[in-house]
Amino acid sequence: MTDTPEFRPRHPRTILFVAYPQMGLLDLTGAQTVFWAATKAMHERDLPGYERRTASLTGGLVTTAEGLVVDTEPLASLAGCEIDTLIVPGAPEIERAVAESGELIEWIASGSRQVRRTASVCSGTFLLAEAGLLEGKRAATHWAMCEMLSKRFPSIEVDNDAIFVRQDAVWTSAGVSAGIDLALALVEADCGRDVAMQVARELVVFLKRPGGQAQFSELLQAQSGDTEAFDELHRWLADNLDAPNLGVEILAERCHMSTRNFSRMYKQKTGRSPAKAVEVFRLEAARRLLESSNRNIDQIARQCGFGDEERMRATFQRHLAISPRDYRRRFSR
């Protein structure tokens, strides 16, 4: 992300939210609230904000998965309208939604060519993928759906850990409330860091949500229902992240397994390689220290096993698209 807005238009940017039956309510309203708050902040600076519009194929009332009803305008009524950003929410039953949304997917495919950028929240990634927008790209979605996305679209590089992913003009985000983080990033790209931070403070986003796609230790557990064999190893890892060598040989020895068998079994049970797991544990530990301690960045980097601040910064950028210093400014309690 950049501190400098990409452009300063004279007129409000139009953000179009695409609605469909049984979409997730928070997928839609979380991002909408961010753009609403950003508009308030921009008006205080005598600058235009965002025009938020919600449309479905036929217009009218659309029932969300939670049972609340959203009033929408028909997509056809937007013909000729200059849309800046197209946002597609996800749905709990995304496979069913995809199967029943052929016409909508066609509209997304064509509509995305007419806008500056396209984004998805949670499992909305599947609709972008079906529309052909993610071919050969990296993408994020709800962690529980990562494997399904990989199998259904082998050309997509699915990032299991990212809170959101930007690939040129296409943005995808992780589960549900990560859509708020995505929307804040879009606002920051448009309006600058000060506006994004003002929005975050007003919504109390960073005080209530510590960041990251999910609690990473829980993610390791949740990727498979059969990780008990490595529970003790995970507890040991959490206490020894500053060890100079946490290579696969050391981890295999802790589990009384051969290196080859350990690597194979660990990937099978947890969904990631041992090296990736160590990185994720270190990232989680660093996040907690940045949130709750006054230690300097370099001390935290050494304590969590990164060695130095630069290596930790690269890991934060890769997983969370933010530097450790910016993370502390946003999330510190």
C-alpha atoms as a PDB file:
ATOM      1  CA  MET A   1       0.000   0.000   0.000  1.00  0.00           C
ATOM      2  CA  THR A   2       1.074   3.576  -0.536  1.00  0.00           C
ATOM      3  CA  ASP A   3       0.742   6.691   1.577  1.00  0.00           C
ATOM      4  CA  THR A   4      -0.081   8.741  -1.495  1.00  0.00           C
ATOM      5  CA  PRO A   5      -3.568   8.553  -3.017  1.00  0.00           C
ATOM      6  CA  GLU A   6      -3.660   7.206  -6.563  1.00  0.00           C
ATOM      7  CA  PHE A   7      -5.704  10.181  -7.762  1.00  0.00           C
ATOM      8  CA  ARG A   8      -7.931  12.976  -6.480  1.00  0.00           C
ATOM      9  CA  PRO A   9     -11.135  13.120  -8.556  1.00  0.00           C
ATOM     10  CA  ARG A  10     -13.449  16.102  -8.578  1.00  0.00           C
ATOM     11  CA  HIS A  11     -16.536  13.924  -8.370  1.00  0.00           C
ATOM     12  CA  PRO A  12     -17.502  11.054  -6.058  1.00  0.00           C
ATOM     13  CA  ARG A  13     -16.250   7.627  -7.052  1.00  0.00           C
ATOM     14  CA  THR A  14     -19.045   5.146  -7.616  1.00  0.00           C
ATOM     15  CA  ILE A  15     -18.659   1.868  -5.745  1.00  0.00           C
ATOM     16  CA  LEU A  16     -20.980  -0.825  -7.052  1.00  0.00           C
ATOM     17  CA  PHE A  17     -21.843  -3.750  -4.796  1.00  0.00           C
ATOM     18  CA  VAL A  18     -23.237  -6.723  -6.701  1.00  0.00           C
ATOM     19  CA  ALA A  19     -26.004  -8.479  -4.773  1.00  0.00           C
ATOM     20  CA  TYR A  20     -27.477 -11.931  -5.269  1.00  0.00           C
ATOM     21  CA  PRO A  21     -29.701 -14.299  -3.237  1.00  0.00           C
ATOM     22  CA  GLN A  22     -28.136 -15.859  -0.106  1.00  0.00           C
ATOM     23  CA  MET A  23     -25.042 -13.663  -0.159  1.00  0.00           C
ATOM     24  CA  GLY A  24     -23.381 -13.006   3.188  1.00  0.00           C
ATOM     25  CA  LEU A  25     -24.759  -9.905   4.887  1.00  0.00           C
ATOM     26  CA  LEU A  26     -21.490  -8.775   6.493  1.00  0.00           C
ATOM     27  CA  ASP A  27     -19.633  -9.448   3.242  1.00  0.00           C
ATOM     28  CA  LEU A  28     -21.789  -6.672   1.813  1.00  0.00           C
ATOM     29  CA  THR A  29     -22.340  -4.270   4.691  1.00  0.00           C
ATOM     30  CA  GLY A  30     -18.851  -4.368   6.236  1.00  0.00           C
ATOM     31  CA  ALA A  31     -17.225  -2.882   3.156  1.00  0.00           C
ATOM     32  CA  GLN A  32     -20.168  -0.540   2.573  1.00  0.00           C
ATOM     33  CA  THR A  33     -19.747   0.935   6.051  1.00  0.00           C
ATOM     34  CA  VAL A  34     -16.068   1.610   5.406  1.00  0.00           C
ATOM     35  CA  PHE A  35     -16.863   3.592   2.267  1.00  0.00           C
ATOM     36  CA  TRP A  36     -19.654   5.432   4.084  1.00  0.00           C
ATOM     37  CA  ALA A  37     -17.253   6.478   6.857  1.00  0.00           C
ATOM     38  CA  ALA A  38     -14.612   7.412   4.288  1.00  0.00           C
ATOM     39  CA  THR A  39     -17.121   9.673   2.556  1.00  0.00           C
ATOM     40  CA  LYS A  40     -17.774  11.482   5.845  1.00  0.00           C
ATOM     41  CA  ALA A  41     -14.035  11.926   6.353  1.00  0.00           C
ATOM     42  CA  MET A  42     -13.529  13.226   2.817  1.00  0.00           C
ATOM     43  CA  HIS A  43     -16.394  15.706   3.140  1.00  0.00           C
ATOM     44  CA  GLU A  44     -14.682  17.151   6.236  1.00  0.00           C
ATOM     45  CA  ARG A  45     -11.778  17.935   3.913  1.00  0.00           C
ATOM     46  CA  ASP A  46     -14.088  19.439   1.268  1.00  0.00           C
ATOM     47  CA  LEU A  47     -13.310  16.541  -1.037  1.00  0.00           C
ATOM     48  CA  PRO A  48     -15.692  14.141  -2.791  1.00  0.00           C
ATOM     49  CA  GLY A  49     -16.143  10.717  -1.288  1.00  0.00           C
ATOM     50  CA  TYR A  50     -17.942   7.669  -2.585  1.00  0.00           C
ATOM     51  CA  GLU A  51     -21.343   7.036  -4.082  1.00  0.00           C
ATOM     52  CA  ARG A  52     -22.393   3.579  -2.928  1.00  0.00           C
ATOM     53  CA  ARG A  53     -24.837   1.619  -5.060  1.00  0.00           C
ATOM     54  CA  THR A  54     -26.145  -1.911  -4.627  1.00  0.00           C
ATOM     55  CA  ALA A  55     -27.530  -3.730  -7.643  1.00  0.00           C
ATOM     56  CA  SER A  56     -28.712  -7.201  -8.620  1.00  0.00           C
ATOM     57  CA  LEU A  57     -29.649  -8.745 -11.931  1.00  0.00           C
ATOM     58  CA  THR A  58     -33.325  -7.851 -11.735  1.00  0.00           C
ATOM     59  CA  GLY A  59     -33.325  -5.306  -8.926  1.00  0.00           C
ATOM     60  CA  GLY A  60     -35.757  -5.343  -6.026  1.00  0.00           C
ATOM     61  CA  LEU A  61     -35.466  -7.164  -2.723  1.00  0.00           C
ATOM     62  CA  VAL A  62     -32.658  -9.687  -2.258  1.00  0.00           C
ATOM     63  CA  THR A  63     -32.615 -12.006   0.762  1.00  0.00           C
ATOM     64  CA  THR A  64     -29.235 -12.568   2.397  1.00  0.00           C
ATOM     65  CA  ALA A  65     -28.071 -15.832   3.949  1.00  0.00           C
ATOM     66  CA  GLU A  66     -28.854 -14.390   7.381  1.00  0.00           C
ATOM     67  CA  GLY A  67     -32.452 -13.673   6.370  1.00  0.00           C
ATOM     68  CA  LEU A  68     -32.280  -9.884   6.176  1.00  0.00           C
ATOM     69  CA  VAL A  69     -33.483  -8.312   2.964  1.00  0.00           C
ATOM     70  CA  VAL A  70     -31.567  -5.760   0.874  1.00  0.00           C
ATOM     71  CA  ASP A  71     -33.234  -3.436  -1.624  1.00  0.00           C
ATOM     72  CA  THR A  72     -31.325  -3.269  -4.916  1.00  0.00           C
ATOM     73  CA  GLU A  73     -31.495  -1.557  -8.263  1.00  0.00           C
ATOM     74  CA  PRO A  74     -31.281  -3.559 -11.514  1.00  0.00           C
ATOM     75  CA  LEU A  75     -27.827  -3.834 -13.040  1.00  0.00           C
ATOM     76  CA  ALA A  76     -29.282  -2.785 -16.399  1.00  0.00           C
ATOM     77  CA  SER A  77     -30.122   0.626 -14.934  1.00  0.00           C
ATOM     78  CA  LEU A  78     -26.401   1.293 -14.512  1.00  0.00           C
ATOM     79  CA  ALA A  79     -25.687   1.236 -18.240  1.00  0.00           C
ATOM     80  CA  GLY A  80     -23.626   4.304 -19.060  1.00  0.00           C
ATOM     81  CA  CYS A  81     -22.805   4.960 -15.405  1.00  0.00           C
ATOM     82  CA  GLU A  82     -19.104   5.491 -14.704  1.00  0.00           C
ATOM     83  CA  ILE A  83     -18.325   2.870 -12.065  1.00  0.00           C
ATOM     84  CA  ASP A  84     -14.989   3.116 -10.304  1.00  0.00           C
ATOM     85  CA  THR A  85     -14.949  -0.101  -8.264  1.00  0.00           C
ATOM     86  CA  LEU A  86     -16.955  -3.304  -8.519  1.00  0.00           C
ATOM     87  CA  ILE A  87     -17.242  -5.356  -5.305  1.00  0.00           C
ATOM     88  CA  VAL A  88     -18.623  -8.900  -5.184  1.00  0.00           C
ATOM     89  CA  PRO A  89     -19.586 -10.339  -1.766  1.00  0.00           C
ATOM     90  CA  GLY A  90     -19.355 -14.025  -0.941  1.00  0.00           C
ATOM     91  CA  ALA A  91     -21.951 -16.519   0.237  1.00  0.00           C
ATOM     92  CA  PRO A  92     -21.841 -19.316   2.832  1.00  0.00           C
ATOM     93  CA  GLU A  93     -23.099 -21.801   0.219  1.00  0.00           C
ATOM     94  CA  ILE A  94     -20.883 -20.539  -2.557  1.00  0.00           C
ATOM     95  CA  GLU A  95     -21.072 -23.665  -4.719  1.00  0.00           C
ATOM     96  CA  ARG A  96     -24.831 -23.313  -4.920  1.00  0.00           C
ATOM     97  CA  ALA A  97     -24.508 -19.577  -5.539  1.00  0.00           C
ATOM     98  CA  VAL A  98     -22.085 -20.172  -8.422  1.00  0.00           C
ATOM     99  CA  ALA A  99     -24.337 -22.822  -9.948  1.00  0.00           C
ATOM    100  CA  GLU A 100     -27.308 -20.443  -9.886  1.00  0.00           C
ATOM    101  CA  SER A 101     -25.463 -17.309 -11.031  1.00  0.00           C
ATOM    102  CA  GLY A 102     -24.475 -17.986 -14.628  1.00  0.00           C
ATOM    103  CA  GLU A 103     -25.960 -14.752 -15.934  1.00  0.00           C
ATOM    104  CA  LEU A 104     -24.488 -12.738 -13.091  1.00  0.00           C
ATOM    105  CA  ILE A 105     -21.038 -14.230 -13.699  1.00  0.00           C
ATOM    106  CA  GLU A 106     -21.269 -13.202 -17.344  1.00  0.00           C
ATOM    107  CA  TRP A 107     -22.158  -9.676 -16.227  1.00  0.00           C
ATOM    108  CA  ILE A 108     -19.174  -9.592 -13.848  1.00  0.00           C
ATOM    109  CA  ALA A 109     -16.871 -10.729 -16.659  1.00  0.00           C
ATOM    110  CA  SER A 110     -18.013  -7.940 -18.954  1.00  0.00           C
ATOM    111  CA  GLY A 111     -18.608  -5.334 -16.244  1.00  0.00           C
ATOM    112  CA  SER A 112     -15.110  -5.705 -14.837  1.00  0.00           C
ATOM    113  CA  ARG A 113     -13.681  -4.531 -18.144  1.00  0.00           C
ATOM    114  CA  GLN A 114     -15.481  -1.222 -17.731  1.00  0.00           C
ATOM    115  CA  VAL A 115     -14.277  -0.367 -14.205  1.00  0.00           C
ATOM    116  CA  ARG A 116     -10.974   0.719 -12.677  1.00  0.00           C
ATOM    117  CA  ARG A 117     -10.792  -2.216 -10.280  1.00  0.00           C
ATOM    118  CA  THR A 118     -12.749  -5.265  -9.176  1.00  0.00           C
ATOM    119  CA  ALA A 119     -12.754  -6.805  -5.720  1.00  0.00           C
ATOM    120  CA  SER A 120     -14.296  -9.753  -3.901  1.00  0.00           C
ATOM    121  CA  VAL A 121     -15.038 -10.437  -0.251  1.00  0.00           C
ATOM    122  CA  CYS A 122     -14.598 -13.918   1.214  1.00  0.00           C
ATOM    123  CA  SER A 123     -15.967 -16.620  -1.114  1.00  0.00           C
ATOM    124  CA  GLY A 124     -16.884 -13.974  -3.693  1.00  0.00           C
ATOM    125  CA  THR A 125     -13.474 -14.962  -5.070  1.00  0.00           C
ATOM    126  CA  PHE A 126     -15.200 -17.953  -6.677  1.00  0.00           C
ATOM    127  CA  LEU A 127     -17.450 -15.660  -8.712  1.00  0.00           C
ATOM    128  CA  LEU A 128     -14.440 -13.688  -9.941  1.00  0.00           C
ATOM    129  CA  ALA A 129     -12.688 -16.944 -10.779  1.00  0.00           C
ATOM    130  CA  GLU A 130     -15.699 -18.212 -12.723  1.00  0.00           C
ATOM    131  CA  ALA A 131     -15.719 -14.907 -14.590  1.00  0.00           C
ATOM    132  CA  GLY A 132     -12.116 -15.553 -15.661  1.00  0.00           C
ATOM    133  CA  LEU A 133     -10.604 -12.650 -13.721  1.00  0.00           C
ATOM    134  CA  LEU A 134      -8.114 -14.691 -11.697  1.00  0.00           C
ATOM    135  CA  GLU A 135      -6.490 -16.860 -14.343  1.00  0.00           C
ATOM    136  CA  GLY A 136      -2.820 -17.238 -13.417  1.00  0.00           C
ATOM    137  CA  LYS A 137      -3.160 -14.799 -10.522  1.00  0.00           C
ATOM    138  CA  ARG A 138      -2.674 -15.021  -6.762  1.00  0.00           C
ATOM    139  CA  ALA A 139      -5.866 -14.787  -4.733  1.00  0.00           C
ATOM    140  CA  ALA A 140      -7.307 -15.025  -1.225  1.00  0.00           C
ATOM    141  CA  THR A 141     -10.557 -16.431   0.089  1.00  0.00           C
ATOM    142  CA  HIS A 142     -11.969 -17.833   3.318  1.00  0.00           C
ATOM    143  CA  TRP A 143      -9.375 -20.252   4.721  1.00  0.00           C
ATOM    144  CA  ALA A 144     -11.898 -23.100   4.833  1.00  0.00           C
ATOM    145  CA  MET A 145     -12.449 -22.744   1.077  1.00  0.00           C
ATOM    146  CA  CYS A 146      -8.821 -22.448  -0.035  1.00  0.00           C
ATOM    147  CA  GLU A 147      -8.478 -26.111  -0.931  1.00  0.00           C
ATOM    148  CA  MET A 148     -11.737 -26.082  -2.885  1.00  0.00           C
ATOM    149  CA  LEU A 149     -10.627 -22.986  -4.786  1.00  0.00           C
ATOM    150  CA  SER A 150      -7.280 -24.613  -5.646  1.00  0.00           C
ATOM    151  CA  LYS A 151      -8.912 -27.797  -6.906  1.00  0.00           C
ATOM    152  CA  ARG A 152     -11.559 -25.997  -8.916  1.00  0.00           C
ATOM    153  CA  PHE A 153      -9.147 -23.470 -10.435  1.00  0.00           C
ATOM    154  CA  PRO A 154      -5.636 -24.996 -10.592  1.00  0.00           C
ATOM    155  CA  SER A 155      -4.194 -21.960 -12.356  1.00  0.00           C
ATOM    156  CA  ILE A 156      -4.915 -19.718  -9.354  1.00  0.00           C
ATOM    157  CA  GLU A 157      -2.173 -19.369  -6.750  1.00  0.00           C
ATOM    158  CA  VAL A 158      -4.280 -19.519  -3.588  1.00  0.00           C
ATOM    159  CA  ASP A 159      -2.758 -17.687  -0.626  1.00  0.00           C
ATOM    160  CA  ASN A 160      -4.009 -19.447   2.511  1.00  0.00           C
ATOM    161  CA  ASP A 161      -2.787 -16.762   4.889  1.00  0.00           C
ATOM    162  CA  ALA A 162      -3.226 -13.385   3.221  1.00  0.00           C
ATOM    163  CA  ILE A 163      -5.777 -10.984   4.616  1.00  0.00           C
ATOM    164  CA  PHE A 164      -6.235  -9.695   1.080  1.00  0.00           C
ATOM    165  CA  VAL A 165      -4.370  -9.914  -2.210  1.00  0.00           C
ATOM    166  CA  ARG A 166      -3.967  -7.268  -4.874  1.00  0.00           C
ATOM    167  CA  GLN A 167      -3.157  -8.419  -8.391  1.00  0.00           C
ATOM    168  CA  ASP A 168      -3.141  -5.457 -10.748  1.00  0.00           C
ATOM    169  CA  ALA A 169      -6.763  -4.252 -10.904  1.00  0.00           C
ATOM    170  CA  VAL A 170      -8.217  -7.280  -9.088  1.00  0.00           C
ATOM    171  CA  TRP A 171      -8.385  -7.505  -5.287  1.00  0.00           C
ATOM    172  CA  THR A 172      -9.533 -10.540  -3.296  1.00  0.00           C
ATOM    173  CA  SER A 173      -9.954 -10.891   0.449  1.00  0.00           C
ATOM    174  CA  ALA A 174     -10.220 -13.577   3.074  1.00  0.00           C
ATOM    175  CA  GLY A 175     -13.151 -14.559   5.270  1.00  0.00           C
ATOM    176  CA  VAL A 176     -16.091 -12.219   5.882  1.00  0.00           C
ATOM    177  CA  SER A 177     -14.741  -9.412   8.103  1.00  0.00           C
ATOM    178  CA  ALA A 178     -11.516  -9.322   6.071  1.00  0.00           C
ATOM    179  CA  GLY A 179     -13.685  -7.416   3.597  1.00  0.00           C
ATOM    180  CA  ILE A 180     -13.423  -4.506   6.027  1.00  0.00           C
ATOM    181  CA  ASP A 181      -9.628  -4.667   5.829  1.00  0.00           C
ATOM    182  CA  LEU A 182      -9.853  -4.819   2.050  1.00  0.00           C
ATOM    183  CA  ALA A 183     -12.145  -1.795   1.924  1.00  0.00           C
ATOM    184  CA  LEU A 184      -9.789   0.149   4.199  1.00  0.00           C
ATOM    185  CA  ALA A 185      -6.916  -0.676   1.863  1.00  0.00           C
ATOM    186  CA  LEU A 186      -8.934   0.557  -1.114  1.00  0.00           C
ATOM    187  CA  VAL A 187      -9.745   3.760   0.761  1.00  0.00           C
ATOM    188  CA  GLU A 188      -6.082   4.235   1.662  1.00  0.00           C
ATOM    189  CA  ALA A 189      -5.059   3.780  -1.971  1.00  0.00           C
ATOM    190  CA  ASP A 190      -7.636   6.381  -3.030  1.00  0.00           C
ATOM    191  CA  CYS A 191      -7.636   8.903  -0.217  1.00  0.00           C
ATOM    192  CA  GLY A 192      -4.397   8.442   1.691  1.00  0.00           C
ATOM    193  CA  ARG A 193      -3.395   7.016   5.046  1.00  0.00           C
ATOM    194  CA  ASP A 194      -4.880   9.805   7.161  1.00  0.00           C
ATOM    195  CA  VAL A 195      -8.383   9.189   5.865  1.00  0.00           C
ATOM    196  CA  ALA A 196      -8.038   5.415   6.195  1.00  0.00           C
ATOM    197  CA  MET A 197      -6.840   5.801   9.782  1.00  0.00           C
ATOM    198  CA  GLN A 198      -9.708   8.151  10.605  1.00  0.00           C
ATOM    199  CA  VAL A 199     -12.150   5.573   9.267  1.00  0.00           C
ATOM    200  CA  ALA A 200     -10.491   2.813  11.258  1.00  0.00           C
ATOM    201  CA  ARG A 201     -10.719   4.849  14.453  1.00  0.00           C
ATOM    202  CA  GLU A 202     -14.374   5.702  13.873  1.00  0.00           C
ATOM    203  CA  LEU A 203     -15.306   2.066  13.246  1.00  0.00           C
ATOM    204  CA  VAL A 204     -13.003   0.847  16.053  1.00  0.00           C
ATOM    205  CA  VAL A 205     -11.900  -1.801  13.587  1.00  0.00           C
ATOM    206  CA  PHE A 206      -8.347  -2.298  14.755  1.00  0.00           C
ATOM    207  CA  LEU A 207      -9.192  -2.330  18.447  1.00  0.00           C
ATOM    208  CA  LYS A 208     -11.773  -5.054  18.020  1.00  0.00           C
ATOM    209  CA  ARG A 209      -9.933  -7.121  15.408  1.00  0.00           C
ATOM    210  CA  PRO A 210      -6.220  -7.769  15.879  1.00  0.00           C
ATOM    211  CA  GLY A 211      -5.557  -8.338  12.189  1.00  0.00           C
ATOM    212  CA  GLY A 212      -4.581 -11.215   9.985  1.00  0.00           C
ATOM    213  CA  GLN A 213      -6.934 -13.503   8.102  1.00  0.00           C
ATOM    214  CA  ALA A 214      -7.474 -15.697  11.124  1.00  0.00           C
ATOM    215  CA  GLN A 215      -5.694 -16.695  14.293  1.00  0.00           C
ATOM    216  CA  PHE A 216      -2.817 -18.532  12.656  1.00  0.00           C
ATOM    217  CA  SER A 217      -2.476 -21.231  15.295  1.00  0.00           C
ATOM    218  CA  GLU A 218      -6.168 -21.960  14.876  1.00  0.00           C
ATOM    219  CA  LEU A 219      -5.667 -22.016  11.140  1.00  0.00           C
ATOM    220  CA  LEU A 220      -3.062 -24.738  11.485  1.00  0.00           C
ATOM    221  CA  GLN A 221      -5.547 -26.766  13.512  1.00  0.00           C
ATOM    222  CA  ALA A 222      -8.517 -26.077  11.297  1.00  0.00           C
ATOM    223  CA  GLN A 223      -6.929 -27.068   7.995  1.00  0.00           C
ATOM    224  CA  SER A 224      -7.388 -30.674   9.024  1.00  0.00           C
ATOM    225  CA  GLY A 225      -9.365 -32.492  11.680  1.00  0.00           C
ATOM    226  CA  ASP A 226      -6.472 -34.830  12.441  1.00  0.00           C
ATOM    227  CA  THR A 227      -3.479 -32.801  13.650  1.00  0.00           C
ATOM    228  CA  GLU A 228      -3.235 -34.296  17.133  1.00  0.00           C
ATOM    229  CA  ALA A 229       0.071 -35.959  16.276  1.00  0.00           C
ATOM    230  CA  PHE A 230       1.663 -32.511  15.979  1.00  0.00           C
ATOM    231  CA  ASP A 231       0.016 -30.715  18.907  1.00  0.00           C
ATOM    232  CA  GLU A 232       3.035 -31.216  21.161  1.00  0.00           C
ATOM    233  CA  LEU A 233       5.353 -30.012  18.408  1.00  0.00           C
ATOM    234  CA  HIS A 234       3.252 -26.867  17.993  1.00  0.00           C
ATOM    235  CA  ARG A 235       3.416 -26.135  21.710  1.00  0.00           C
ATOM    236  CA  TRP A 236       7.189 -26.630  21.645  1.00  0.00           C
ATOM    237  CA  LEU A 237       7.512 -24.377  18.613  1.00  0.00           C
ATOM    238  CA  ALA A 238       5.588 -21.583  20.337  1.00  0.00           C
ATOM    239  CA  ASP A 239       8.119 -21.670  23.204  1.00  0.00           C
ATOM    240  CA  ASN A 240      11.256 -21.935  21.049  1.00  0.00           C
ATOM    241  CA  LEU A 241      10.790 -19.555  18.148  1.00  0.00           C
ATOM    242  CA  ASP A 242      14.076 -17.833  18.916  1.00  0.00           C
ATOM    243  CA  ALA A 243      16.040 -21.070  18.437  1.00  0.00           C
ATOM    244  CA  PRO A 244      18.813 -20.553  15.836  1.00  0.00           C
ATOM    245  CA  ASN A 245      17.813 -23.631  13.845  1.00  0.00           C
ATOM    246  CA  LEU A 246      14.225 -24.722  13.353  1.00  0.00           C
ATOM    247  CA  GLY A 247      14.821 -26.630  10.149  1.00  0.00           C
ATOM    248  CA  VAL A 248      12.840 -29.655   9.105  1.00  0.00           C
ATOM    249  CA  GLU A 249      15.486 -32.000  10.534  1.00  0.00           C
ATOM    250  CA  ILE A 250      15.064 -30.559  14.037  1.00  0.00           C
ATOM    251  CA  LEU A 251      11.266 -30.710  13.826  1.00  0.00           C
ATOM    252  CA  ALA A 252      11.329 -34.286  12.542  1.00  0.00           C
ATOM    253  CA  GLU A 253      13.627 -35.289  15.406  1.00  0.00           C
ATOM    254  CA  ARG A 254      11.193 -33.763  17.905  1.00  0.00           C
ATOM    255  CA  CYS A 255       8.479 -36.014  16.459  1.00  0.00           C
ATOM    256  CA  HIS A 256      10.755 -39.083  16.347  1.00  0.00           C
ATOM    257  CA  MET A 257      10.253 -39.361  12.602  1.00  0.00           C
ATOM    258  CA  SER A 258      12.497 -39.438   9.579  1.00  0.00           C
ATOM    259  CA  THR A 259      12.818 -36.113   7.793  1.00  0.00           C
ATOM    260  CA  ARG A 260      11.111 -37.409   4.660  1.00  0.00           C
ATOM    261  CA  ASN A 261       8.213 -39.036   6.491  1.00  0.00           C
ATOM    262  CA  PHE A 262       7.751 -36.028   8.757  1.00  0.00           C
ATOM    263  CA  SER A 263       7.611 -33.575   5.834  1.00  0.00           C
ATOM    264  CA  ARG A 264       5.074 -35.717   4.020  1.00  0.00           C
ATOM    265  CA  MET A 265       2.861 -36.315   7.048  1.00  0.00           C
ATOM    266  CA  TYR A 266       3.005 -32.718   8.250  1.00  0.00           C
ATOM    267  CA  LYS A 267       1.921 -31.325   4.889  1.00  0.00           C
ATOM    268  CA  GLN A 268      -0.833 -33.929   4.675  1.00  0.00           C
ATOM    269  CA  LYS A 269      -2.205 -33.180   8.152  1.00  0.00           C
ATOM    270  CA  THR A 270      -1.838 -29.399   8.356  1.00  0.00           C
ATOM    271  CA  GLY A 271      -2.009 -28.261   4.741  1.00  0.00           C
ATOM    272  CA  ARG A 272       1.369 -26.504   4.750  1.00  0.00           C
ATOM    273  CA  SER A 273       5.061 -27.352   4.787  1.00  0.00           C
ATOM    274  CA  PRO A 274       7.054 -27.385   8.065  1.00  0.00           C
ATOM    275  CA  ALA A 275       9.032 -24.324   6.948  1.00  0.00           C
ATOM    276  CA  LYS A 276       5.830 -22.426   6.217  1.00  0.00           C
ATOM    277  CA  ALA A 277       4.443 -23.426   9.614  1.00  0.00           C
ATOM    278  CA  VAL A 278       7.498 -22.044  11.421  1.00  0.00           C
ATOM    279  CA  GLU A 279       7.142 -18.784   9.513  1.00  0.00           C
ATOM    280  CA  VAL A 280       3.463 -18.537  10.447  1.00  0.00           C
ATOM    281  CA  PHE A 281       4.159 -19.236  14.130  1.00  0.00           C
ATOM    282  CA  ARG A 282       6.837 -16.537  14.136  1.00  0.00           C
ATOM    283  CA  LEU A 283       4.488 -14.105  12.437  1.00  0.00           C
ATOM    284  CA  GLU A 284       1.756 -14.770  14.982  1.00  0.00           C
ATOM    285  CA  ALA A 285       4.150 -14.270  17.899  1.00  0.00           C
ATOM    286  CA  ALA A 286       5.467 -11.025  16.410  1.00  0.00           C
ATOM    287  CA  ARG A 287       1.949  -9.717  15.873  1.00  0.00           C
ATOM    288  CA  ARG A 288       1.070 -10.323  19.497  1.00  0.00           C
ATOM    289  CA  LEU A 289       4.201  -8.556  20.742  1.00  0.00           C
ATOM    290  CA  LEU A 290       3.615  -5.600  18.443  1.00  0.00           C
ATOM    291  CA  GLU A 291       0.062  -5.330  19.738  1.00  0.00           C
ATOM    292  CA  SER A 292       0.786  -5.690  23.456  1.00  0.00           C
ATOM    293  CA  SER A 293       4.430  -4.821  24.251  1.00  0.00           C
ATOM    294  CA  ASN A 294       6.698  -1.782  24.106  1.00  0.00           C
ATOM    295  CA  ARG A 295       9.729  -3.686  22.837  1.00  0.00           C
ATOM    296  CA  ASN A 296      11.405  -2.208  19.789  1.00  0.00           C
ATOM    297  CA  ILE A 297      11.011  -3.799  16.373  1.00  0.00           C
ATOM    298  CA  ASP A 298      14.487  -5.288  16.231  1.00  0.00           C
ATOM    299  CA  GLN A 299      14.093  -6.904  19.660  1.00  0.00           C
ATOM    300  CA  ILE A 300      10.821  -8.478  18.584  1.00  0.00           C
ATOM    301  CA  ALA A 301      12.394  -9.711  15.348  1.00  0.00           C
ATOM    302  CA  ARG A 302      15.159 -11.473  17.276  1.00  0.00           C
ATOM    303  CA  GLN A 303      12.838 -12.851  19.953  1.00  0.00           C
ATOM    304  CA  CYS A 304      10.545 -14.370  17.325  1.00  0.00           C
ATOM    305  CA  GLY A 305      13.375 -15.927  15.358  1.00  0.00           C
ATOM    306  CA  PHE A 306      13.437 -13.641  12.313  1.00  0.00           C
ATOM    307  CA  GLY A 307      17.002 -12.615  13.075  1.00  0.00           C
ATOM    308  CA  ASP A 308      16.597  -8.987  12.071  1.00  0.00           C
ATOM    309  CA  GLU A 309      13.970  -6.377  11.326  1.00  0.00           C
ATOM    310  CA  GLU A 310      14.330  -6.634   7.532  1.00  0.00           C
ATOM    311  CA  ARG A 311      13.456 -10.340   7.446  1.00  0.00           C
ATOM    312  CA  MET A 312      10.449  -9.723   9.677  1.00  0.00           C
ATOM    313  CA  ARG A 313       9.349  -6.819   7.507  1.00  0.00           C
ATOM    314  CA  ALA A 314       9.463  -8.993   4.383  1.00  0.00           C
ATOM    315  CA  THR A 315       7.347 -11.661   6.123  1.00  0.00           C
ATOM    316  CA  PHE A 316       4.764  -9.096   7.252  1.00  0.00           C
ATOM    317  CA  GLN A 317       4.528  -7.656   3.751  1.00  0.00           C
ATOM    318  CA  ARG A 318       4.116 -11.092   2.219  1.00  0.00           C
ATOM    319  CA  HIS A 319       1.370 -12.235   4.596  1.00  0.00           C
ATOM    320  CA  LEU A 320      -0.396  -9.055   5.700  1.00  0.00           C
ATOM    321  CA  ALA A 321       0.600  -6.435   3.108  1.00  0.00           C
ATOM    322  CA  ILE A 322       1.781  -4.126   5.894  1.00  0.00           C
ATOM    323  CA  SER A 323       5.087  -3.376   7.624  1.00  0.00           C
ATOM    324  CA  PRO A 324       5.676  -4.219  11.315  1.00  0.00           C
ATOM    325  CA  ARG A 325       5.867  -0.501  12.155  1.00  0.00           C
ATOM    326  CA  ASP A 326       2.577   0.271  10.442  1.00  0.00           C
ATOM    327  CA  TYR A 327       1.045  -2.811  12.037  1.00  0.00           C
ATOM    328  CA  ARG A 328       2.019  -1.517  15.489  1.00  0.00           C
ATOM    329  CA  ARG A 329       0.609   1.955  14.755  1.00  0.00           C
ATOM    330  CA  ARG A 330      -2.710   0.425  13.727  1.00  0.00           C
ATOM    331  CA  PHE A 331      -3.113  -2.427  16.156  1.00  0.00           C
ATOM    332  CA  SER A 332      -1.245  -1.518  19.313  1.00  0.00           C
ATOM    333  CA  ARG A 333      -3.424  -1.663  22.403  1.00  0.00           C
END
